[in-house]
C-alpha atoms as a PDB file:
ATOM      1  CA  MET A   1       1.855  19.344  17.621  1.00  0.00           C
ATOM      2  CA  PRO A   2       0.088  18.232  14.427  1.00  0.00           C
ATOM      3  CA  ASN A   3      -3.421  19.498  13.835  1.00  0.00           C
ATOM      4  CA  THR A   4      -6.088  17.019  14.936  1.00  0.00           C
ATOM      5  CA  SER A   5      -9.331  15.906  13.328  1.00  0.00           C
ATOM      6  CA  PRO A   6     -10.965  19.319  12.665  1.00  0.00           C
ATOM      7  CA  ALA A   7      -8.178  20.073  10.135  1.00  0.00           C
ATOM      8  CA  VAL A   8      -8.433  16.639   8.516  1.00  0.00           C
ATOM      9  CA  PRO A   9     -11.543  16.153   6.351  1.00  0.00           C
ATOM     10  CA  GLY A  10     -13.573  12.990   6.089  1.00  0.00           C
ATOM     11  CA  ARG A  11     -13.367  10.573   3.166  1.00  0.00           C
ATOM     12  CA  ILE A  12     -12.729  12.447  -0.056  1.00  0.00           C
ATOM     13  CA  ASP A  13     -12.469  11.276  -3.637  1.00  0.00           C
ATOM     14  CA  TRP A  14      -8.886  12.146  -4.478  1.00  0.00           C
ATOM     15  CA  VAL A  15      -7.558  10.134  -1.540  1.00  0.00           C
ATOM     16  CA  ASP A  16      -9.352   7.006  -2.726  1.00  0.00           C
ATOM     17  CA  ILE A  17      -8.146   7.660  -6.271  1.00  0.00           C
ATOM     18  CA  ALA A  18      -4.571   7.940  -4.979  1.00  0.00           C
ATOM     19  CA  LYS A  19      -4.974   4.690  -3.032  1.00  0.00           C
ATOM     20  CA  GLY A  20      -6.337   3.037  -6.155  1.00  0.00           C
ATOM     21  CA  PHE A  21      -3.395   4.268  -8.188  1.00  0.00           C
ATOM     22  CA  CYS A  22      -0.958   2.969  -5.563  1.00  0.00           C
ATOM     23  CA  ILE A  23      -2.485  -0.477  -5.217  1.00  0.00           C
ATOM     24  CA  ILE A  24      -2.524  -0.891  -9.002  1.00  0.00           C
ATOM     25  CA  MET A  25       1.146   0.090  -9.185  1.00  0.00           C
ATOM     26  CA  VAL A  26       1.998  -2.404  -6.439  1.00  0.00           C
ATOM     27  CA  VAL A  27       0.100  -5.216  -8.154  1.00  0.00           C
ATOM     28  CA  MET A  28       1.646  -4.312 -11.502  1.00  0.00           C
ATOM     29  CA  MET A  29       5.119  -4.510  -9.988  1.00  0.00           C
ATOM     30  CA  HIS A  30       4.590  -7.976  -8.497  1.00  0.00           C
ATOM     31  CA  SER A  31       2.832  -9.252 -11.620  1.00  0.00           C
ATOM     32  CA  THR A  32       5.355  -7.900 -14.109  1.00  0.00           C
ATOM     33  CA  LEU A  33       8.464  -8.972 -12.226  1.00  0.00           C
ATOM     34  CA  GLY A  34       6.936 -12.395 -11.589  1.00  0.00           C
ATOM     35  CA  VAL A  35       6.173 -12.935 -15.270  1.00  0.00           C
ATOM     36  CA  GLU A  36       9.608 -11.699 -16.344  1.00  0.00           C
ATOM     37  CA  LYS A  37      11.373 -13.903 -13.808  1.00  0.00           C
ATOM     38  CA  ALA A  38       9.462 -16.985 -14.946  1.00  0.00           C
ATOM     39  CA  ALA A  39      10.001 -16.195 -18.629  1.00  0.00           C
ATOM     40  CA  GLY A  40      13.566 -14.967 -18.302  1.00  0.00           C
ATOM     41  CA  VAL A  41      12.748 -11.965 -20.512  1.00  0.00           C
ATOM     42  CA  GLU A  42      11.764  -8.359 -19.831  1.00  0.00           C
ATOM     43  CA  GLY A  43       8.628  -6.949 -21.425  1.00  0.00           C
ATOM     44  CA  TRP A  44       7.458  -3.492 -22.438  1.00  0.00           C
ATOM     45  CA  LEU A  45       5.696  -2.977 -19.093  1.00  0.00           C
ATOM     46  CA  ASN A  46       8.996  -3.100 -17.200  1.00  0.00           C
ATOM     47  CA  PRO A  47       9.932   0.569 -17.820  1.00  0.00           C
ATOM     48  CA  LEU A  48       6.652   1.702 -16.237  1.00  0.00           C
ATOM     49  CA  VAL A  49       7.315  -0.490 -13.193  1.00  0.00           C
ATOM     50  CA  GLU A  50      10.802   1.004 -12.880  1.00  0.00           C
ATOM     51  CA  PHE A  51       9.466   4.534 -13.357  1.00  0.00           C
ATOM     52  CA  ALA A  52       7.062   4.061 -10.436  1.00  0.00           C
ATOM     53  CA  LYS A  53       9.636   2.498  -8.111  1.00  0.00           C
ATOM     54  CA  PRO A  54      10.851   5.752  -6.455  1.00  0.00           C
ATOM     55  CA  PHE A  55       7.369   6.800  -5.312  1.00  0.00           C
ATOM     56  CA  ARG A  56       5.153   3.689  -5.395  1.00  0.00           C
ATOM     57  CA  MET A  57       5.480   2.639  -1.736  1.00  0.00           C
ATOM     58  CA  PRO A  58       6.309   6.092  -0.268  1.00  0.00           C
ATOM     59  CA  ASP A  59       3.004   7.412  -1.570  1.00  0.00           C
ATOM     60  CA  PHE A  60       1.141   4.350  -0.292  1.00  0.00           C
ATOM     61  CA  PHE A  61       2.446   5.007   3.219  1.00  0.00           C
ATOM     62  CA  LEU A  62       1.863   8.756   2.955  1.00  0.00           C
ATOM     63  CA  ILE A  63      -1.794   8.152   2.118  1.00  0.00           C
ATOM     64  CA  ALA A  64      -2.053   5.600   4.946  1.00  0.00           C
ATOM     65  CA  GLY A  65      -1.069   8.258   7.477  1.00  0.00           C
ATOM     66  CA  LEU A  66      -3.354  11.040   6.248  1.00  0.00           C
ATOM     67  CA  PHE A  67      -6.319  10.399   8.537  1.00  0.00           C
ATOM     68  CA  LEU A  68      -4.456   9.217  11.615  1.00  0.00           C
ATOM     69  CA  ALA A  69      -4.932  12.556  13.383  1.00  0.00           C
ATOM     70  CA  ARG A  70      -8.633  11.728  13.738  1.00  0.00           C
ATOM     71  CA  ARG A  71      -7.899   8.680  15.911  1.00  0.00           C
ATOM     72  CA  ILE A  72      -4.475   9.032  17.444  1.00  0.00           C
ATOM     73  CA  ASP A  73      -5.810  10.485  20.707  1.00  0.00           C
ATOM     74  CA  ARG A  74      -8.352   7.719  21.236  1.00  0.00           C
ATOM     75  CA  PRO A  75      -7.852   5.416  24.285  1.00  0.00           C
ATOM     76  CA  TRP A  76      -5.239   2.739  23.745  1.00  0.00           C
ATOM     77  CA  GLY A  77      -7.789  -0.099  23.769  1.00  0.00           C
ATOM     78  CA  GLU A  78      -9.823   1.370  20.934  1.00  0.00           C
ATOM     79  CA  TYR A  79      -6.715   2.537  19.094  1.00  0.00           C
ATOM     80  CA  LEU A  80      -5.062  -0.873  19.208  1.00  0.00           C
ATOM     81  CA  ASP A  81      -8.252  -2.526  17.993  1.00  0.00           C
ATOM     82  CA  ARG A  82      -8.591  -0.251  14.955  1.00  0.00           C
ATOM     83  CA  LYS A  83      -4.938   0.239  14.115  1.00  0.00           C
ATOM     84  CA  VAL A  84      -3.243  -2.985  15.227  1.00  0.00           C
ATOM     85  CA  LEU A  85      -5.596  -5.938  15.724  1.00  0.00           C
ATOM     86  CA  HIS A  86      -7.378  -5.110  12.475  1.00  0.00           C
ATOM     87  CA  PHE A  87      -4.221  -5.661  10.439  1.00  0.00           C
ATOM     88  CA  VAL A  88      -2.916  -8.486  12.640  1.00  0.00           C
ATOM     89  CA  TYR A  89      -6.105 -10.433  11.924  1.00  0.00           C
ATOM     90  CA  PHE A  90      -5.819 -10.086   8.170  1.00  0.00           C
ATOM     91  CA  TYR A  91      -2.080 -10.725   8.122  1.00  0.00           C
ATOM     92  CA  ILE A  92      -2.323 -13.971  10.096  1.00  0.00           C
ATOM     93  CA  LEU A  93      -5.356 -15.152   8.110  1.00  0.00           C
ATOM     94  CA  TRP A  94      -3.886 -14.515   4.678  1.00  0.00           C
ATOM     95  CA  MET A  95      -0.388 -15.579   5.635  1.00  0.00           C
ATOM     96  CA  GLY A  96      -1.942 -18.882   6.674  1.00  0.00           C
ATOM     97  CA  ILE A  97      -3.733 -19.155   3.328  1.00  0.00           C
ATOM     98  CA  GLN A  98      -0.542 -18.386   1.430  1.00  0.00           C
ATOM     99  CA  THR A  99       1.448 -20.843   3.530  1.00  0.00           C
ATOM    100  CA  VAL A 100      -0.998 -23.657   2.800  1.00  0.00           C
ATOM    101  CA  LEU A 101      -0.943 -22.914  -0.924  1.00  0.00           C
ATOM    102  CA  LYS A 102       2.750 -22.146  -1.386  1.00  0.00           C
ATOM    103  CA  THR A 103       4.305 -24.507   1.130  1.00  0.00           C
ATOM    104  CA  GLY A 104       1.694 -27.220   1.491  1.00  0.00           C
ATOM    105  CA  LEU A 105       0.534 -27.591  -2.112  1.00  0.00           C
ATOM    106  CA  ALA A 106       3.383 -26.189  -4.183  1.00  0.00           C
ATOM    107  CA  GLY A 107       6.400 -26.309  -1.874  1.00  0.00           C
ATOM    108  CA  ASP A 108       7.945 -28.589   0.742  1.00  0.00           C
ATOM    109  CA  GLY A 109       4.679 -30.247   1.728  1.00  0.00           C
ATOM    110  CA  PHE A 110       2.171 -29.884   4.528  1.00  0.00           C
ATOM    111  CA  ALA A 111       4.671 -30.957   7.195  1.00  0.00           C
ATOM    112  CA  ALA A 112       6.627 -27.734   6.526  1.00  0.00           C
ATOM    113  CA  ILE A 113       3.618 -25.453   7.026  1.00  0.00           C
ATOM    114  CA  PRO A 114       4.224 -24.773  10.770  1.00  0.00           C
ATOM    115  CA  ARG A 115       7.857 -23.888  10.061  1.00  0.00           C
ATOM    116  CA  ASP A 116       7.036 -21.412   7.302  1.00  0.00           C
ATOM    117  CA  PHE A 117       4.073 -19.970   9.204  1.00  0.00           C
ATOM    118  CA  LEU A 118       6.172 -19.251  12.292  1.00  0.00           C
ATOM    119  CA  PHE A 119       8.908 -17.753  10.138  1.00  0.00           C
ATOM    120  CA  GLY A 120       6.308 -15.492   8.551  1.00  0.00           C
ATOM    121  CA  LEU A 121       5.575 -13.994  11.971  1.00  0.00           C
ATOM    122  CA  ILE A 122       9.064 -12.468  12.105  1.00  0.00           C
ATOM    123  CA  GLN A 123       9.866 -12.129   8.390  1.00  0.00           C
ATOM    124  CA  PRO A 124       6.671 -11.139   6.553  1.00  0.00           C
ATOM    125  CA  TYR A 125       5.745 -12.518   3.165  1.00  0.00           C
ATOM    126  CA  GLY A 126       6.732 -10.368   0.212  1.00  0.00           C
ATOM    127  CA  THR A 127       3.138  -9.643  -0.777  1.00  0.00           C
ATOM    128  CA  LEU A 128       1.934  -8.925   2.773  1.00  0.00           C
ATOM    129  CA  TRP A 129       4.675  -6.882   4.422  1.00  0.00           C
ATOM    130  CA  PHE A 130       2.757  -3.608   4.004  1.00  0.00           C
ATOM    131  CA  ILE A 131      -0.030  -4.615   6.396  1.00  0.00           C
ATOM    132  CA  TYR A 132       2.553  -6.168   8.734  1.00  0.00           C
ATOM    133  CA  LEU A 133       4.373  -2.861   8.981  1.00  0.00           C
ATOM    134  CA  LEU A 134       1.337  -0.574   9.258  1.00  0.00           C
ATOM    135  CA  PRO A 135       0.490  -1.568  12.871  1.00  0.00           C
ATOM    136  CA  VAL A 136       4.125  -0.930  13.815  1.00  0.00           C
ATOM    137  CA  PHE A 137       3.888   2.555  12.335  1.00  0.00           C
ATOM    138  CA  PHE A 138       0.601   3.245  14.111  1.00  0.00           C
ATOM    139  CA  VAL A 139       1.992   2.258  17.501  1.00  0.00           C
ATOM    140  CA  VAL A 140       5.292   4.101  17.064  1.00  0.00           C
ATOM    141  CA  THR A 141       3.513   7.254  15.924  1.00  0.00           C
ATOM    142  CA  LYS A 142       1.217   7.262  18.947  1.00  0.00           C
ATOM    143  CA  LEU A 143       4.179   6.695  21.279  1.00  0.00           C
ATOM    144  CA  LEU A 144       5.933   9.644  19.611  1.00  0.00           C
ATOM    145  CA  ARG A 145       2.936  11.929  20.152  1.00  0.00           C
ATOM    146  CA  PRO A 146       4.766  14.084  22.768  1.00  0.00           C
ATOM    147  CA  VAL A 147       7.747  14.637  20.448  1.00  0.00           C
ATOM    148  CA  HIS A 148       7.741  17.684  18.172  1.00  0.00           C
ATOM    149  CA  PRO A 149       6.879  16.575  14.602  1.00  0.00           C
ATOM    150  CA  ALA A 150       9.904  18.356  13.112  1.00  0.00           C
ATOM    151  CA  ILE A 151      12.240  16.211  15.199  1.00  0.00           C
ATOM    152  CA  VAL A 152      10.521  13.005  14.133  1.00  0.00           C
ATOM    153  CA  LEU A 153      10.510  14.021  10.464  1.00  0.00           C
ATOM    154  CA  VAL A 154      14.221  14.836  10.520  1.00  0.00           C
ATOM    155  CA  ALA A 155      15.009  11.541  12.259  1.00  0.00           C
ATOM    156  CA  GLY A 156      12.820   9.642   9.799  1.00  0.00           C
ATOM    157  CA  ALA A 157      14.501  11.327   6.848  1.00  0.00           C
ATOM    158  CA  ALA A 158      17.911  10.425   8.285  1.00  0.00           C
ATOM    159  CA  LEU A 159      16.854   6.779   8.538  1.00  0.00           C
ATOM    160  CA  GLN A 160      15.671   6.799   4.929  1.00  0.00           C
ATOM    161  CA  ILE A 161      18.886   8.396   3.707  1.00  0.00           C
ATOM    162  CA  ALA A 162      20.965   5.891   5.687  1.00  0.00           C
ATOM    163  CA  GLN A 163      19.579   3.068   3.506  1.00  0.00           C
ATOM    164  CA  VAL A 164      19.611   0.453   6.251  1.00  0.00           C
ATOM    165  CA  HIS A 165      20.184  -3.137   5.058  1.00  0.00           C
ATOM    166  CA  THR A 166      20.058  -5.715   7.846  1.00  0.00           C
ATOM    167  CA  GLY A 167      18.218  -8.505   6.059  1.00  0.00           C
ATOM    168  CA  SER A 168      15.164  -8.025   8.253  1.00  0.00           C
ATOM    169  CA  VAL A 169      12.199  -6.821   6.211  1.00  0.00           C
ATOM    170  CA  ILE A 170      10.703  -5.029   9.206  1.00  0.00           C
ATOM    171  CA  VAL A 171      13.870  -3.205  10.231  1.00  0.00           C
ATOM    172  CA  ASP A 172      14.872  -2.262   6.694  1.00  0.00           C
ATOM    173  CA  GLU A 173      11.423  -1.189   5.530  1.00  0.00           C
ATOM    174  CA  PHE A 174      10.749   0.690   8.768  1.00  0.00           C
ATOM    175  CA  ALA A 175      13.910   2.720   8.241  1.00  0.00           C
ATOM    176  CA  SER A 176      13.053   3.314   4.598  1.00  0.00           C
ATOM    177  CA  ARG A 177       9.302   4.087   4.881  1.00  0.00           C
ATOM    178  CA  PHE A 178       8.459   5.529   8.288  1.00  0.00           C
ATOM    179  CA  VAL A 179       9.224   9.124   7.300  1.00  0.00           C
ATOM    180  CA  PHE A 180       6.534   9.002   4.609  1.00  0.00           C
ATOM    181  CA  PHE A 181       3.876   7.547   6.890  1.00  0.00           C
ATOM    182  CA  TYR A 182       4.662  10.093   9.589  1.00  0.00           C
ATOM    183  CA  ALA A 183       4.660  12.907   7.039  1.00  0.00           C
ATOM    184  CA  GLY A 184       1.174  11.857   5.966  1.00  0.00           C
ATOM    185  CA  TYR A 185       0.068  12.136   9.586  1.00  0.00           C
ATOM    186  CA  ALA A 186       1.954  15.264  10.660  1.00  0.00           C
ATOM    187  CA  LEU A 187       1.543  17.212   7.430  1.00  0.00           C
ATOM    188  CA  ALA A 188      -2.000  16.116   6.540  1.00  0.00           C
ATOM    189  CA  PRO A 189      -3.530  19.626   6.624  1.00  0.00           C
ATOM    190  CA  ALA A 190      -0.786  20.922   4.326  1.00  0.00           C
ATOM    191  CA  ILE A 191      -1.250  17.972   1.952  1.00  0.00           C
ATOM    192  CA  PHE A 192      -5.006  18.539   1.748  1.00  0.00           C
ATOM    193  CA  ALA A 193      -4.385  22.249   1.160  1.00  0.00           C
ATOM    194  CA  PHE A 194      -1.893  21.364  -1.591  1.00  0.00           C
ATOM    195  CA  ALA A 195      -4.482  19.120  -3.302  1.00  0.00           C
ATOM    196  CA  ALA A 196      -7.047  21.927  -3.158  1.00  0.00           C
ATOM    197  CA  LYS A 197      -4.563  24.372  -4.664  1.00  0.00           C
ATOM    198  CA  VAL A 198      -3.794  21.898  -7.479  1.00  0.00           C
ATOM    199  CA  GLN A 199      -7.492  21.788  -8.324  1.00  0.00           C
ATOM    200  CA  GLU A 200      -7.575  25.593  -8.439  1.00  0.00           C
ATOM    201  CA  MET A 201      -4.404  25.966 -10.571  1.00  0.00           C
ATOM    202  CA  ARG A 202      -4.791  23.135 -13.063  1.00  0.00           C
ATOM    203  CA  GLN A 203      -2.553  24.513 -15.812  1.00  0.00           C
ATOM    204  CA  VAL A 204       0.315  25.168 -13.417  1.00  0.00           C
ATOM    205  CA  ALA A 205      -0.146  21.699 -11.905  1.00  0.00           C
ATOM    206  CA  LEU A 206      -0.044  20.052 -15.336  1.00  0.00           C
ATOM    207  CA  GLY A 207       3.165  21.900 -16.165  1.00  0.00           C
ATOM    208  CA  GLY A 208       4.699  20.756 -12.895  1.00  0.00           C
ATOM    209  CA  LEU A 209       3.688  17.168 -13.610  1.00  0.00           C
ATOM    210  CA  ILE A 210       5.382  17.254 -17.018  1.00  0.00           C
ATOM    211  CA  LEU A 211       8.612  18.474 -15.416  1.00  0.00           C
ATOM    212  CA  TRP A 212       8.338  15.772 -12.758  1.00  0.00           C
ATOM    213  CA  VAL A 213       7.874  13.025 -15.378  1.00  0.00           C
ATOM    214  CA  LEU A 214      11.002  14.200 -17.178  1.00  0.00           C
ATOM    215  CA  LEU A 215      13.053  14.436 -13.973  1.00  0.00           C
ATOM    216  CA  ASN A 216      11.902  11.138 -12.482  1.00  0.00           C
ATOM    217  CA  GLY A 217      12.281   9.303 -15.772  1.00  0.00           C
ATOM    218  CA  SER A 218      15.745  10.730 -16.406  1.00  0.00           C
ATOM    219  CA  LEU A 219      17.087   9.781 -12.986  1.00  0.00           C
ATOM    220  CA  VAL A 220      15.580   6.294 -13.193  1.00  0.00           C
ATOM    221  CA  GLU A 221      17.071   5.820 -16.653  1.00  0.00           C
ATOM    222  CA  ALA A 222      20.443   7.051 -15.389  1.00  0.00           C
ATOM    223  CA  GLY A 223      20.373   4.429 -12.636  1.00  0.00           C
ATOM    224  CA  ILE A 224      20.746   6.903  -9.751  1.00  0.00           C
ATOM    225  CA  ALA A 225      17.163   7.007  -8.498  1.00  0.00           C
ATOM    226  CA  ASP A 226      18.138   4.792  -5.540  1.00  0.00           C
ATOM    227  CA  ALA A 227      21.109   6.934  -4.495  1.00  0.00           C
ATOM    228  CA  ARG A 228      21.133   8.578  -1.061  1.00  0.00           C
ATOM    229  CA  PHE A 229      19.254  11.885  -0.928  1.00  0.00           C
ATOM    230  CA  VAL A 230      18.107  11.366  -4.524  1.00  0.00           C
ATOM    231  CA  SER A 231      15.719   8.579  -3.500  1.00  0.00           C
ATOM    232  CA  LEU A 232      14.231  10.718  -0.738  1.00  0.00           C
ATOM    233  CA  GLY A 233      13.759  13.661  -3.078  1.00  0.00           C
ATOM    234  CA  LEU A 234      12.162  11.549  -5.801  1.00  0.00           C
ATOM    235  CA  ALA A 235       9.883   9.870  -3.263  1.00  0.00           C
ATOM    236  CA  VAL A 236       8.610  13.230  -2.003  1.00  0.00           C
ATOM    237  CA  LEU A 237       8.157  14.645  -5.494  1.00  0.00           C
ATOM    238  CA  GLY A 238       6.517  11.448  -6.697  1.00  0.00           C
ATOM    239  CA  ALA A 239       4.112  11.358  -3.777  1.00  0.00           C
ATOM    240  CA  MET A 240       3.078  14.940  -4.461  1.00  0.00           C
ATOM    241  CA  ALA A 241       2.705  14.066  -8.139  1.00  0.00           C
ATOM    242  CA  VAL A 242       0.314  11.242  -7.300  1.00  0.00           C
ATOM    243  CA  VAL A 243      -1.635  13.600  -5.031  1.00  0.00           C
ATOM    244  CA  SER A 244      -1.762  16.120  -7.888  1.00  0.00           C
ATOM    245  CA  VAL A 245      -2.924  13.629 -10.505  1.00  0.00           C
ATOM    246  CA  SER A 246      -5.538  12.248  -8.124  1.00  0.00           C
ATOM    247  CA  ALA A 247      -6.796  15.722  -7.225  1.00  0.00           C
ATOM    248  CA  LEU A 248      -7.072  16.666 -10.895  1.00  0.00           C
ATOM    249  CA  LEU A 249      -8.936  13.465 -11.749  1.00  0.00           C
ATOM    250  CA  ALA A 250     -11.341  13.954  -8.854  1.00  0.00           C
ATOM    251  CA  ALA A 251     -12.149  17.508  -9.970  1.00  0.00           C
ATOM    252  CA  SER A 252     -12.688  16.720 -13.650  1.00  0.00           C
ATOM    253  CA  PRO A 253     -16.057  15.305 -14.802  1.00  0.00           C
ATOM    254  CA  VAL A 254     -14.420  14.348 -18.110  1.00  0.00           C
ATOM    255  CA  ALA A 255     -12.007  12.049 -16.239  1.00  0.00           C
ATOM    256  CA  SER A 256     -14.784  10.057 -14.590  1.00  0.00           C
ATOM    257  CA  PRO A 257     -14.220   6.896 -16.715  1.00  0.00           C
ATOM    258  CA  VAL A 258     -10.673   6.789 -15.328  1.00  0.00           C
ATOM    259  CA  ALA A 259     -11.324   8.170 -11.869  1.00  0.00           C
ATOM    260  CA  ALA A 260     -14.261   5.912 -10.996  1.00  0.00           C
ATOM    261  CA  PRO A 261     -12.389   2.576 -11.325  1.00  0.00           C
ATOM    262  CA  LEU A 262      -9.378   4.027  -9.501  1.00  0.00           C
ATOM    263  CA  ARG A 263     -11.631   5.276  -6.724  1.00  0.00           C
ATOM    264  CA  TYR A 264     -13.299   1.883  -6.382  1.00  0.00           C
ATOM    265  CA  CYS A 265      -9.937   0.124  -6.232  1.00  0.00           C
ATOM    266  CA  GLY A 266      -8.855   2.609  -3.576  1.00  0.00           C
ATOM    267  CA  GLU A 267     -11.962   2.034  -1.501  1.00  0.00           C
ATOM    268  CA  ASN A 268     -11.227  -1.700  -1.622  1.00  0.00           C
ATOM    269  CA  SER A 269      -7.433  -1.545  -1.637  1.00  0.00           C
ATOM    270  CA  ILE A 270      -7.062  -3.956   1.283  1.00  0.00           C
ATOM    271  CA  VAL A 271      -9.216  -6.517  -0.545  1.00  0.00           C
ATOM    272  CA  ILE A 272      -6.948  -6.336  -3.578  1.00  0.00           C
ATOM    273  CA  TYR A 273      -3.776  -6.324  -1.506  1.00  0.00           C
ATOM    274  CA  LEU A 274      -4.736  -9.391   0.518  1.00  0.00           C
ATOM    275  CA  ALA A 275      -5.794 -11.656  -2.325  1.00  0.00           C
ATOM    276  CA  PHE A 276      -4.068 -10.517  -5.517  1.00  0.00           C
ATOM    277  CA  PHE A 277      -1.343 -13.171  -5.203  1.00  0.00           C
ATOM    278  CA  LEU A 278      -3.760 -15.989  -6.079  1.00  0.00           C
ATOM    279  CA  PRO A 279      -5.196 -14.820  -9.440  1.00  0.00           C
ATOM    280  CA  MET A 280      -1.756 -13.395 -10.230  1.00  0.00           C
ATOM    281  CA  ALA A 281      -0.058 -16.771  -9.819  1.00  0.00           C
ATOM    282  CA  VAL A 282      -2.794 -18.747 -11.578  1.00  0.00           C
ATOM    283  CA  SER A 283      -3.020 -16.441 -14.599  1.00  0.00           C
ATOM    284  CA  ARG A 284       0.772 -16.252 -14.924  1.00  0.00           C
ATOM    285  CA  ILE A 285       1.183 -20.028 -14.867  1.00  0.00           C
ATOM    286  CA  LEU A 286      -1.607 -20.621 -17.401  1.00  0.00           C
ATOM    287  CA  LEU A 287      -0.503 -17.928 -19.838  1.00  0.00           C
ATOM    288  CA  LEU A 288       3.156 -18.984 -19.815  1.00  0.00           C
ATOM    289  CA  LYS A 289       2.388 -22.695 -19.956  1.00  0.00           C
ATOM    290  CA  PHE A 290      -0.016 -22.640 -22.900  1.00  0.00           C
ATOM    291  CA  GLY A 291       1.612 -19.766 -24.815  1.00  0.00           C
ATOM    292  CA  ILE A 292      -1.727 -18.208 -25.661  1.00  0.00           C
ATOM    293  CA  VAL A 293      -0.132 -14.759 -25.744  1.00  0.00           C
ATOM    294  CA  PRO A 294       3.425 -14.599 -27.108  1.00  0.00           C
ATOM    295  CA  ASP A 295       4.351 -11.086 -25.929  1.00  0.00           C
ATOM    296  CA  ILE A 296       5.767 -10.850 -22.380  1.00  0.00           C
ATOM    297  CA  GLY A 297       4.611  -7.271 -21.841  1.00  0.00           C
ATOM    298  CA  THR A 298       1.059  -8.159 -22.830  1.00  0.00           C
ATOM    299  CA  ILE A 299       1.150 -11.200 -20.558  1.00  0.00           C
ATOM    300  CA  SER A 300       2.265  -8.935 -17.690  1.00  0.00           C
ATOM    301  CA  LEU A 301      -0.641  -6.577 -18.380  1.00  0.00           C
ATOM    302  CA  ILE A 302      -3.168  -9.435 -18.462  1.00  0.00           C
ATOM    303  CA  VAL A 303      -1.769 -10.896 -15.241  1.00  0.00           C
ATOM    304  CA  THR A 304      -1.945  -7.459 -13.608  1.00  0.00           C
ATOM    305  CA  SER A 305      -5.575  -7.078 -14.670  1.00  0.00           C
ATOM    306  CA  ALA A 306      -6.446 -10.540 -13.363  1.00  0.00           C
ATOM    307  CA  ALA A 307      -4.687  -9.799 -10.079  1.00  0.00           C
ATOM    308  CA  ILE A 308      -6.759  -6.624  -9.622  1.00  0.00           C
ATOM    309  CA  VAL A 309     -10.140  -7.884 -10.769  1.00  0.00           C
ATOM    310  CA  GLY A 310      -9.804 -11.358  -9.215  1.00  0.00           C
ATOM    311  CA  PRO A 311      -9.842 -10.239  -5.560  1.00  0.00           C
ATOM    312  CA  LEU A 312     -12.793  -7.913  -6.223  1.00  0.00           C
ATOM    313  CA  VAL A 313     -14.753 -10.797  -7.741  1.00  0.00           C
ATOM    314  CA  MET A 314     -13.866 -12.954  -4.734  1.00  0.00           C
ATOM    315  CA  PHE A 315     -15.041 -10.137  -2.452  1.00  0.00           C
ATOM    316  CA  TRP A 316     -18.377  -9.830  -4.286  1.00  0.00           C
ATOM    317  CA  ILE A 317     -18.924 -13.596  -4.105  1.00  0.00           C
ATOM    318  CA  VAL A 318     -18.204 -14.062  -0.388  1.00  0.00           C
ATOM    319  CA  ARG A 319     -19.817 -10.847   0.832  1.00  0.00           C
ATOM    320  CA  GLY A 320     -22.746 -11.663   3.082  1.00  0.00           C
ATOM    321  CA  THR A 321     -21.850 -15.375   3.247  1.00  0.00           C
ATOM    322  CA  TRP A 322     -20.073 -17.405   5.916  1.00  0.00           C
ATOM    323  CA  LEU A 323     -16.859 -16.773   3.965  1.00  0.00           C
ATOM    324  CA  GLY A 324     -17.158 -13.058   4.611  1.00  0.00           C
ATOM    325  CA  PHE A 325     -14.447 -13.380   7.271  1.00  0.00           C
ATOM    326  CA  LEU A 326     -11.892 -13.422   4.449  1.00  0.00           C
ATOM    327  CA  PHE A 327     -12.283  -9.682   3.921  1.00  0.00           C
ATOM    328  CA  GLU A 328     -14.238  -8.460   6.947  1.00  0.00           C
ATOM    329  CA  ARG A 329     -12.998  -8.875  10.503  1.00  0.00           C
ATOM    330  CA  PRO A 330     -15.597 -10.822  12.522  1.00  0.00           C
ATOM    331  CA  ALA A 331     -16.846  -9.761  15.935  1.00  0.00           C
ATOM    332  CA  TRP A 332     -14.779 -12.364  17.793  1.00  0.00           C
ATOM    333  CA  ALA A 333     -11.596 -10.788  16.404  1.00  0.00           C
ATOM    334  CA  ARG A 334     -12.425  -7.342  17.763  1.00  0.00           C
ATOM    335  CA  TYR A 335     -11.568  -5.725  21.060  1.00  0.00           C
ATOM    336  CA  GLU A 336     -14.605  -3.781  22.228  1.00  0.00           C
ATOM    337  CA  PRO A 337     -14.114  -2.344  25.736  1.00  0.00           C
ATOM    338  CA  ALA A 338     -17.723  -1.202  26.178  1.00  0.00           C
ATOM    339  CA  ARG A 339     -19.194  -4.599  25.332  1.00  0.00           C
ATOM    340  CA  ARG A 340     -16.641  -6.408  27.517  1.00  0.00           C
ATOM    341  CA  LEU A 341     -17.396  -4.147  30.478  1.00  0.00           C
ATOM    342  CA  ALA A 342     -21.137  -4.641  30.053  1.00  0.00           C
ATOM    343  CA  HIS A 343     -20.670  -8.410  29.856  1.00  0.00           C
ATOM    344  CA  ALA A 344     -18.502  -8.347  33.001  1.00  0.00           C
ATOM    345  CA  ALA A 345     -21.155  -6.346  34.894  1.00  0.00           C
ATOM    346  CA  GLU A 346     -23.732  -9.014  34.135  1.00  0.00           C
END
């Protein structure tokens, strides 16, 4: 069985840096592709988006599973509250916000909101599917606790290699991503040990990263990065590369100007993920409509920056106010067995 909490450390810098890197790559992808679709032209940021495609989401899920060993043996009530209801709350809330804005104000009208909202419960929105799928992964992983990790990893790898395409976001993304989430959980001690070794052997790590950049870039350029087996290999190598870069940044005082913003974005990755669609859409529309910036790549970069900074500004504004429920789950949306039992006894 996987090692439990004693082998998994508490919050550490390189993990938050890796999360920050991942959320920025995700936002950049949505922002860049959105701008290019609206403009009908590709910009200079597109190659970076394509370069990150093989490892962007695999690493996000790997990081999401790293600390699961500390909670997986908790009672089901507590586990479901932390690992399921938490994400269900934010998904329903922000799906509702998106439905009002996209369908009600900019789509088919307010009468179509119930239709699109209900559809979003079975086919998640493109900018929210990550937090829809996370609770599924948490539940499945706990149910698979009695199964030897090697068996689950092999089965997960087989699903990824199969490249399932059913049209259902949940089915397809589960098949494609579960192996990485489970690897983060089952192999967490090895991943933390790898990060520590990278910090000890910096020159070797830098050499390995150069080779990885060349390999990943070559296969992406050749158009075979999505091929069976190749995609799995690039995802694993890319995830380890992100771990390596993050570990090196965390260990280098010189890199603090880069590491600190990444770390902050990682600490608040859910804030960015939930709300980036709004400043992304607004900034894209304004920049393309008024032609303030003629270069598509530069527009994509500005939109990406707005989509990252915008949610953080929103978070700072609403924190401590009655609007805090946008980014912090209120007490009424929590399942707390101890409090419920005490209330029942009264």
